[in-house]
C-alpha atoms as a PDB file:
ATOM      1  CA  UNK A   1       3.628 -31.200  -8.561  1.00  0.00           C
ATOM      2  CA  UNK A   2       4.546 -30.644 -11.945  1.00  0.00           C
ATOM      3  CA  UNK A   3       1.792 -27.142 -12.160  1.00  0.00           C
ATOM      4  CA  UNK A   4       3.883 -26.103  -9.065  1.00  0.00           C
ATOM      5  CA  UNK A   5       7.642 -26.356  -9.971  1.00  0.00           C
ATOM      6  CA  UNK A   6       6.536 -24.835 -13.336  1.00  0.00           C
ATOM      7  CA  UNK A   7       5.149 -21.802 -11.808  1.00  0.00           C
ATOM      8  CA  UNK A   8       8.045 -21.853  -9.417  1.00  0.00           C
ATOM      9  CA  UNK A   9       9.930 -21.257 -12.366  1.00  0.00           C
ATOM     10  CA  UNK A  10       8.144 -19.460 -13.815  1.00  0.00           C
ATOM     11  CA  UNK A  11       7.799 -17.006 -10.947  1.00  0.00           C
ATOM     12  CA  UNK A  12      11.649 -16.802 -10.699  1.00  0.00           C
ATOM     13  CA  UNK A  13      12.504 -15.833 -14.553  1.00  0.00           C
ATOM     14  CA  UNK A  14       9.956 -13.518 -14.235  1.00  0.00           C
ATOM     15  CA  UNK A  15      11.092 -11.602 -11.183  1.00  0.00           C
ATOM     16  CA  UNK A  16      14.565 -11.913 -12.654  1.00  0.00           C
ATOM     17  CA  UNK A  17      13.348 -10.017 -15.661  1.00  0.00           C
ATOM     18  CA  UNK A  18      10.851  -7.348 -14.135  1.00  0.00           C
ATOM     19  CA  UNK A  19      13.886  -6.953 -11.486  1.00  0.00           C
ATOM     20  CA  UNK A  20      16.610  -6.341 -14.449  1.00  0.00           C
ATOM     21  CA  UNK A  21      13.620  -3.511 -15.967  1.00  0.00           C
ATOM     22  CA  UNK A  22      12.603  -1.461 -12.483  1.00  0.00           C
ATOM     23  CA  UNK A  23      16.573  -1.646 -12.279  1.00  0.00           C
ATOM     24  CA  UNK A  24      17.263   0.084 -15.480  1.00  0.00           C
ATOM     25  CA  UNK A  25      14.381   2.469 -15.209  1.00  0.00           C
ATOM     26  CA  UNK A  26      16.216   3.548 -12.040  1.00  0.00           C
ATOM     27  CA  UNK A  27      19.359   3.970 -13.303  1.00  0.00           C
ATOM     28  CA  UNK A  28      17.873   5.473 -16.689  1.00  0.00           C
ATOM     29  CA  UNK A  29      16.142   8.125 -14.568  1.00  0.00           C
ATOM     30  CA  UNK A  30      17.743   9.124 -12.093  1.00  0.00           C
ATOM     31  CA  UNK A  31      15.543   7.687  -9.160  1.00  0.00           C
ATOM     32  CA  UNK A  32      15.978   8.493  -5.362  1.00  0.00           C
ATOM     33  CA  UNK A  33      14.062   6.887  -2.343  1.00  0.00           C
ATOM     34  CA  UNK A  34      10.337   7.485  -4.077  1.00  0.00           C
ATOM     35  CA  UNK A  35      11.972   4.531  -6.168  1.00  0.00           C
ATOM     36  CA  UNK A  36      11.735   2.141  -3.696  1.00  0.00           C
ATOM     37  CA  UNK A  37       7.942   1.980  -3.979  1.00  0.00           C
ATOM     38  CA  UNK A  38       8.610   0.634  -7.275  1.00  0.00           C
ATOM     39  CA  UNK A  39      10.580  -2.055  -6.344  1.00  0.00           C
ATOM     40  CA  UNK A  40       7.885  -2.945  -3.821  1.00  0.00           C
ATOM     41  CA  UNK A  41       5.237  -3.070  -5.799  1.00  0.00           C
ATOM     42  CA  UNK A  42       6.577  -5.056  -8.655  1.00  0.00           C
ATOM     43  CA  UNK A  43       7.141  -8.120  -6.315  1.00  0.00           C
ATOM     44  CA  UNK A  44       3.497  -7.866  -5.171  1.00  0.00           C
ATOM     45  CA  UNK A  45       2.347  -7.546  -9.061  1.00  0.00           C
ATOM     46  CA  UNK A  46       4.691 -10.649  -9.781  1.00  0.00           C
ATOM     47  CA  UNK A  47       3.063 -12.592  -7.226  1.00  0.00           C
ATOM     48  CA  UNK A  48      -0.312 -12.148  -8.477  1.00  0.00           C
ATOM     49  CA  UNK A  49       0.713 -12.743 -11.619  1.00  0.00           C
ATOM     50  CA  UNK A  50       2.197 -15.833 -10.633  1.00  0.00           C
ATOM     51  CA  UNK A  51      -0.678 -17.284  -8.636  1.00  0.00           C
ATOM     52  CA  UNK A  52      -3.126 -16.517 -11.460  1.00  0.00           C
ATOM     53  CA  UNK A  53      -1.405 -18.701 -13.729  1.00  0.00           C
ATOM     54  CA  UNK A  54      -1.066 -21.244 -11.332  1.00  0.00           C
ATOM     55  CA  UNK A  55      -4.531 -21.669 -11.107  1.00  0.00           C
ATOM     56  CA  UNK A  56      -5.520 -21.527 -14.836  1.00  0.00           C
ATOM     57  CA  UNK A  57      -3.595 -24.238 -15.357  1.00  0.00           C
ATOM     58  CA  UNK A  58      -5.955 -26.605 -13.623  1.00  0.00           C
ATOM     59  CA  UNK A  59      -8.440 -25.690 -15.705  1.00  0.00           C
ATOM     60  CA  UNK A  60      -9.937 -28.135 -18.400  1.00  0.00           C
ATOM     61  CA  UNK A  61      -8.772 -26.107 -21.340  1.00  0.00           C
ATOM     62  CA  UNK A  62      -5.774 -25.065 -19.669  1.00  0.00           C
ATOM     63  CA  UNK A  63      -3.300 -23.647 -23.124  1.00  0.00           C
ATOM     64  CA  UNK A  64      -6.305 -21.687 -24.008  1.00  0.00           C
ATOM     65  CA  UNK A  65      -7.213 -20.459 -20.358  1.00  0.00           C
ATOM     66  CA  UNK A  66      -3.483 -19.347 -19.749  1.00  0.00           C
ATOM     67  CA  UNK A  67      -4.318 -17.509 -23.647  1.00  0.00           C
ATOM     68  CA  UNK A  68      -6.941 -15.589 -22.253  1.00  0.00           C
ATOM     69  CA  UNK A  69      -5.687 -14.614 -19.025  1.00  0.00           C
ATOM     70  CA  UNK A  70      -2.640 -13.295 -21.196  1.00  0.00           C
ATOM     71  CA  UNK A  71      -5.087 -10.801 -22.262  1.00  0.00           C
ATOM     72  CA  UNK A  72      -7.060 -10.110 -20.020  1.00  0.00           C
ATOM     73  CA  UNK A  73      -3.774  -9.514 -17.702  1.00  0.00           C
ATOM     74  CA  UNK A  74      -2.179  -6.987 -20.167  1.00  0.00           C
ATOM     75  CA  UNK A  75      -6.026  -5.311 -20.740  1.00  0.00           C
ATOM     76  CA  UNK A  76      -5.867  -4.578 -16.799  1.00  0.00           C
ATOM     77  CA  UNK A  77      -2.226  -3.166 -17.243  1.00  0.00           C
ATOM     78  CA  UNK A  78      -3.418  -1.210 -19.811  1.00  0.00           C
ATOM     79  CA  UNK A  79      -6.484   0.152 -18.157  1.00  0.00           C
ATOM     80  CA  UNK A  80      -3.933   1.055 -15.649  1.00  0.00           C
ATOM     81  CA  UNK A  81      -1.296   2.998 -17.388  1.00  0.00           C
ATOM     82  CA  UNK A  82      -4.109   4.881 -18.584  1.00  0.00           C
ATOM     83  CA  UNK A  83      -5.426   5.911 -15.170  1.00  0.00           C
ATOM     84  CA  UNK A  84      -2.085   6.582 -13.829  1.00  0.00           C
ATOM     85  CA  UNK A  85      -0.848   8.593 -17.070  1.00  0.00           C
ATOM     86  CA  UNK A  86      -4.338  10.797 -16.728  1.00  0.00           C
ATOM     87  CA  UNK A  87      -4.139  11.005 -12.748  1.00  0.00           C
ATOM     88  CA  UNK A  88      -0.602  12.268 -13.375  1.00  0.00           C
ATOM     89  CA  UNK A  89      -1.653  14.868 -15.978  1.00  0.00           C
ATOM     90  CA  UNK A  90      -4.623  15.705 -13.837  1.00  0.00           C
ATOM     91  CA  UNK A  91      -2.584  17.449 -11.412  1.00  0.00           C
ATOM     92  CA  UNK A  92      -2.488  21.207 -11.849  1.00  0.00           C
ATOM     93  CA  UNK A  93       0.733  22.189 -13.976  1.00  0.00           C
ATOM     94  CA  UNK A  94       2.128  24.387 -11.009  1.00  0.00           C
ATOM     95  CA  UNK A  95       2.141  21.570  -8.771  1.00  0.00           C
ATOM     96  CA  UNK A  96       3.186  18.926 -11.461  1.00  0.00           C
ATOM     97  CA  UNK A  97       6.371  16.895 -11.255  1.00  0.00           C
ATOM     98  CA  UNK A  98       5.699  15.259 -14.894  1.00  0.00           C
ATOM     99  CA  UNK A  99       9.071  14.118 -15.517  1.00  0.00           C
ATOM    100  CA  UNK A 100       9.829  12.139 -11.908  1.00  0.00           C
ATOM    101  CA  UNK A 101       6.199  10.908 -11.881  1.00  0.00           C
ATOM    102  CA  UNK A 102       6.220   9.194 -15.572  1.00  0.00           C
ATOM    103  CA  UNK A 103       9.331   7.471 -14.458  1.00  0.00           C
ATOM    104  CA  UNK A 104       7.400   6.017 -11.656  1.00  0.00           C
ATOM    105  CA  UNK A 105       4.535   4.883 -13.619  1.00  0.00           C
ATOM    106  CA  UNK A 106       6.558   3.120 -15.950  1.00  0.00           C
ATOM    107  CA  UNK A 107       8.520   1.426 -13.481  1.00  0.00           C
ATOM    108  CA  UNK A 108       5.091   0.290 -11.897  1.00  0.00           C
ATOM    109  CA  UNK A 109       3.478  -0.880 -15.427  1.00  0.00           C
ATOM    110  CA  UNK A 110       6.605  -2.160 -17.453  1.00  0.00           C
ATOM    111  CA  UNK A 111       7.753  -4.772 -14.921  1.00  0.00           C
ATOM    112  CA  UNK A 112       4.066  -5.900 -14.562  1.00  0.00           C
ATOM    113  CA  UNK A 113       3.944  -6.416 -18.583  1.00  0.00           C
ATOM    114  CA  UNK A 114       7.263  -8.122 -18.273  1.00  0.00           C
ATOM    115  CA  UNK A 115       6.744 -10.404 -15.717  1.00  0.00           C
ATOM    116  CA  UNK A 116       3.086 -11.474 -17.185  1.00  0.00           C
ATOM    117  CA  UNK A 117       4.747 -11.804 -20.829  1.00  0.00           C
ATOM    118  CA  UNK A 118       7.743 -14.162 -19.739  1.00  0.00           C
ATOM    119  CA  UNK A 119       4.990 -16.299 -17.330  1.00  0.00           C
ATOM    120  CA  UNK A 120       3.005 -16.728 -19.798  1.00  0.00           C
ATOM    121  CA  UNK A 121       5.875 -17.703 -22.257  1.00  0.00           C
ATOM    122  CA  UNK A 122       7.047 -20.014 -19.638  1.00  0.00           C
ATOM    123  CA  UNK A 123       3.718 -21.458 -18.394  1.00  0.00           C
ATOM    124  CA  UNK A 124       2.848 -22.077 -21.865  1.00  0.00           C
ATOM    125  CA  UNK A 125       6.097 -24.134 -23.459  1.00  0.00           C
ATOM    126  CA  UNK A 126       5.575 -26.475 -20.518  1.00  0.00           C
ATOM    127  CA  UNK A 127       1.804 -26.566 -20.711  1.00  0.00           C
ATOM    128  CA  UNK A 128       2.571 -27.965 -24.355  1.00  0.00           C
ATOM    129  CA  UNK A 129       4.945 -30.682 -23.724  1.00  0.00           C
ATOM    130  CA  UNK A 130       3.239 -33.461 -24.019  1.00  0.00           C
ATOM    131  CA  UNK A 131       2.818 -35.676 -20.333  1.00  0.00           C
ATOM    132  CA  UNK A 132       3.748 -39.582 -21.217  1.00  0.00           C
ATOM    133  CA  UNK A 133       1.041 -41.696 -21.320  1.00  0.00           C
ATOM    134  CA  UNK A 134       1.030 -44.983 -19.981  1.00  0.00           C
ATOM    135  CA  UNK A 135      -0.333 -48.271 -22.387  1.00  0.00           C
ATOM    136  CA  UNK A 136      -1.183 -48.437 -25.559  1.00  0.00           C
ATOM    137  CA  UNK A 137      -1.453 -44.740 -26.411  1.00  0.00           C
ATOM    138  CA  UNK A 138      -3.224 -43.676 -23.637  1.00  0.00           C
ATOM    139  CA  UNK A 139      -6.117 -46.310 -23.760  1.00  0.00           C
ATOM    140  CA  UNK A 140      -7.444 -47.567 -20.996  1.00  0.00           C
ATOM    141  CA  UNK A 141      -7.196 -51.186 -20.073  1.00  0.00           C
END
């Protein structure tokens, strides 16, 4: 039950942080209706990240698994960032709307990275706290 509530609170915290980033990017870039895609994608990314961090808590060495998941997810988001930016610049110059496209690319990547880092910080903090042991120093009877 502890792992479930850890993931639930991490979901809420990272959702607030990700939504704050998306909202701020929308205001700074003067976003229009197409930015709703970014809000929807941020929620889907948040759900996937929460499930990933929830599952690694059940590993034999959960702290190490959470650290490894952080690096895997950041690597995936880095590859996606490079791919999306490359795709944006691969469009012929006369058909390119670079400013609005790059704001959407940033809106897709930055909230995901913030969600990953907030999830990692919260889950790792909760895993480091020792669970109360029973008996003489946790020794079995």
